[in-house]
Amino acid sequence: MASKVIHAIYTDDDILLNAVKETRKAHYHIGEIYTPFPVHGLDKAMGLADTRIAITSFMYGVVGLAVAIIMMNFIMIDDWPQDIGGKPSFSYIENMPAFVPIMFEMTIFFAAHLMVITFYLRSKLWPFKKAENPDPRTTDDHFLMEIDVENHDVDALSSFLTGTGATELSIIEKHEDH
């Protein structure tokens, strides 16, 4: 399935931010924005929902803490108890102060690694994936806003985008891969 989009190129992040606000106010649908660096406030200007990565990070940390507790209880108390420095391992609770650094490290380890894996999977960034960047200049010093043309007058939309500060416009036939 193919659809038409307009690629509007901007040369400054402040101009892009104002253009996004004006475009949303004019009720045009912004498909995607490509920037060479993160632009503060762009997600709010686009109306994107807050990310839930912090919630998943907390859940992964809890899983890491649980794995650490179960692992230490099994290894140091049940499987192979040792008398280290005159401190016998009769129960997990008696020895828990010695286990706190391990619990902390496992919590951080699980949260960090699983959060990165989740981010890559959610963003569909896996090894050998072909880049989806429509214009190589957006990795250097240009900003690209992609607007859906469907149900809009192309000339009116083009003049509107030029008025928002776009330096370049191009109409692209975009093919959806499902």
Protein backbone atom coordinates (compact mmCIF):
# COMPACT_ATOMS: atom_id res chain seq x y z
CA MET A 1 0.00 0.00 0.00
CA ALA A 2 1.38 3.42 -0.94
CA SER A 3 0.61 6.81 0.51
CA LYS A 4 1.86 10.30 -0.22
CA VAL A 5 3.78 12.31 2.32
CA ILE A 6 5.53 15.66 2.25
CA HIS A 7 9.05 15.89 3.60
CA ALA A 8 9.69 19.37 4.98
CA ILE A 9 13.34 20.15 5.72
CA TYR A 10 14.28 22.64 8.45
CA THR A 11 17.73 23.96 9.35
CA ASP A 12 17.16 24.96 12.98
CA ASP A 13 15.66 23.07 15.91
CA ASP A 14 13.77 26.10 17.29
CA ILE A 15 12.14 26.71 13.91
CA LEU A 16 11.24 22.99 13.75
CA LEU A 17 9.68 23.10 17.22
CA ASN A 18 7.53 26.10 16.32
CA ALA A 19 6.61 24.47 12.99
CA VAL A 20 5.47 21.31 14.78
CA LYS A 21 3.25 23.37 17.10
CA GLU A 22 1.73 25.28 14.16
CA THR A 23 1.24 22.09 12.12
CA ARG A 24 -0.59 20.36 14.96
CA LYS A 25 -2.69 23.49 15.50
CA ALA A 26 -3.66 23.38 11.81
CA HIS A 27 -4.74 19.72 12.31
CA TYR A 28 -2.23 18.15 9.93
CA HIS A 29 -0.99 14.67 10.86
CA ILE A 30 2.76 14.48 11.47
CA GLY A 31 3.95 10.99 10.59
CA GLU A 32 7.52 11.20 11.83
CA ILE A 33 10.29 13.68 12.61
CA TYR A 34 13.96 12.96 11.96
CA THR A 35 16.55 15.00 13.87
CA PRO A 36 20.35 14.74 14.22
CA PHE A 37 20.07 15.13 18.00
CA PRO A 38 17.31 15.04 20.63
CA VAL A 39 15.22 18.23 20.61
CA HIS A 40 13.97 19.19 24.06
CA GLY A 41 10.18 19.50 24.14
CA LEU A 42 9.59 17.91 20.72
CA ASP A 43 7.71 14.93 22.16
CA LYS A 44 5.29 17.26 23.99
CA ALA A 45 4.86 19.44 20.91
CA MET A 46 4.03 16.35 18.83
CA GLY A 47 1.50 15.21 21.44
CA LEU A 48 3.25 11.91 22.11
CA ALA A 49 2.29 9.97 25.22
CA ASP A 50 4.79 9.63 28.05
CA THR A 51 7.08 6.64 27.81
CA ARG A 52 6.54 3.62 30.07
CA ILE A 53 10.20 2.57 30.06
CA ALA A 54 10.58 3.68 33.71
CA ILE A 55 7.79 1.32 34.76
CA THR A 56 9.43 -1.58 32.95
CA SER A 57 12.76 -0.64 34.52
CA PHE A 58 11.22 -0.86 37.99
CA MET A 59 9.66 -4.24 37.20
CA TYR A 60 12.98 -5.55 35.85
CA GLY A 61 14.71 -4.32 39.01
CA VAL A 62 12.20 -6.20 41.17
CA VAL A 63 12.83 -9.34 39.10
CA GLY A 64 16.59 -8.86 39.61
CA LEU A 65 16.12 -8.44 43.36
CA ALA A 66 14.00 -11.60 43.52
CA VAL A 67 16.58 -13.57 41.50
CA ALA A 68 19.35 -12.33 43.83
CA ILE A 69 17.46 -13.31 46.98
CA ILE A 70 16.53 -16.76 45.67
CA MET A 71 20.04 -17.34 44.31
CA MET A 72 21.81 -16.32 47.54
CA ASN A 73 19.41 -18.27 49.74
CA PHE A 74 19.95 -21.39 47.64
CA ILE A 75 23.73 -21.07 47.24
CA MET A 76 24.78 -19.78 50.70
CA ILE A 77 22.10 -21.29 52.98
CA ASP A 78 20.58 -24.43 51.40
CA ASP A 79 23.09 -25.90 48.94
CA TRP A 80 26.52 -25.23 50.42
CA PRO A 81 26.45 -23.44 53.80
CA GLN A 82 29.87 -22.29 54.97
CA ASP A 83 31.20 -20.94 58.23
CA ILE A 84 32.94 -17.79 57.01
CA GLY A 85 34.77 -15.73 59.63
CA GLY A 86 32.97 -17.47 62.47
CA LYS A 87 29.53 -16.53 61.14
CA PRO A 88 27.53 -19.69 60.54
CA SER A 89 24.86 -19.66 57.83
CA PHE A 90 21.81 -20.90 59.71
CA SER A 91 19.29 -18.63 58.03
CA TYR A 92 19.03 -16.04 55.27
CA ILE A 93 17.72 -13.31 57.61
CA GLU A 94 20.76 -13.55 59.92
CA ASN A 95 23.15 -13.13 57.01
CA MET A 96 21.14 -10.60 54.96
CA PRO A 97 23.38 -7.57 55.77
CA ALA A 98 26.25 -9.36 54.01
CA PHE A 99 24.01 -9.98 50.99
CA VAL A 100 22.86 -6.35 50.50
CA PRO A 101 25.62 -5.43 47.99
CA ILE A 102 24.78 -8.48 45.87
CA MET A 103 21.06 -7.66 45.96
CA PHE A 104 21.81 -4.08 44.92
CA GLU A 105 24.08 -5.11 42.04
CA MET A 106 21.66 -7.73 40.69
CA THR A 107 18.80 -5.21 40.81
CA ILE A 108 20.82 -2.70 38.77
CA PHE A 109 22.13 -5.40 36.41
CA PHE A 110 18.67 -6.73 35.55
CA ALA A 111 17.08 -3.27 35.25
CA ALA A 112 19.80 -1.90 32.98
CA HIS A 113 20.23 -4.85 30.66
CA LEU A 114 16.56 -5.73 30.26
CA MET A 115 15.66 -2.06 29.77
CA VAL A 116 18.15 -1.78 26.89
CA ILE A 117 16.81 -4.98 25.32
CA THR A 118 13.24 -3.70 25.71
CA PHE A 119 14.17 -0.38 24.11
CA TYR A 120 15.77 -2.09 21.11
CA LEU A 121 12.83 -4.45 20.62
CA ARG A 122 10.24 -1.67 21.06
CA SER A 123 12.11 0.57 18.62
CA LYS A 124 12.57 -2.34 16.19
CA LEU A 125 16.34 -1.87 16.24
CA TRP A 126 17.95 -5.23 15.75
CA PRO A 127 21.27 -6.23 14.20
CA PHE A 128 21.58 -5.80 10.43
CA LYS A 129 18.41 -3.70 10.20
CA LYS A 130 18.42 -1.32 7.26
CA ALA A 131 18.25 2.34 8.26
CA GLU A 132 14.90 4.06 7.71
CA ASN A 133 16.31 7.55 7.46
CA PRO A 134 14.76 9.24 4.40
CA ASP A 135 17.43 11.95 4.04
CA PRO A 136 21.08 11.51 5.09
CA ARG A 137 21.36 15.21 5.98
CA THR A 138 19.20 14.56 9.05
CA THR A 139 22.16 12.78 10.64
CA ASP A 140 24.26 15.93 10.28
CA ASP A 141 22.53 19.31 10.54
CA HIS A 142 19.01 19.20 9.04
CA PHE A 143 15.62 18.33 10.50
CA LEU A 144 12.87 16.55 8.56
CA MET A 145 9.15 16.57 9.31
CA GLU A 146 7.02 14.01 7.47
CA ILE A 147 3.36 15.02 7.01
CA ASP A 148 0.64 12.81 5.53
CA VAL A 149 -0.90 14.37 2.40
CA GLU A 150 -4.04 12.19 2.26
CA ASN A 151 -7.26 14.27 2.26
CA HIS A 152 -5.35 17.57 2.05
CA ASP A 153 -4.67 20.05 -0.74
CA VAL A 154 -0.99 19.64 -1.61
CA ASP A 155 -0.53 23.27 -2.69
CA ALA A 156 -2.14 24.64 0.48
CA LEU A 157 -0.09 22.30 2.64
CA SER A 158 3.11 23.23 0.79
CA SER A 159 2.53 26.97 1.24
CA PHE A 160 1.64 26.39 4.90
CA LEU A 161 4.90 24.48 5.50
CA THR A 162 6.93 27.10 3.66
CA GLY A 163 5.35 29.68 5.98
CA THR A 164 6.49 27.71 9.02
CA GLY A 165 10.12 28.02 7.93
CA ALA A 166 10.70 24.93 5.80
CA THR A 167 13.66 25.44 3.48
CA GLU A 168 12.87 22.47 1.23
CA LEU A 169 9.75 20.45 0.39
CA SER A 170 9.40 17.19 -1.47
CA ILE A 171 6.43 14.94 -2.11
CA ILE A 172 7.27 11.28 -1.60
CA GLU A 173 5.37 8.12 -2.46
CA LYS A 174 5.77 6.06 0.71
CA HIS A 175 5.39 2.29 0.55
CA GLU A 176 4.16 0.54 3.71
CA ASP A 177 5.81 -2.81 4.44
CA HIS A 178 3.68 -5.11 6.57
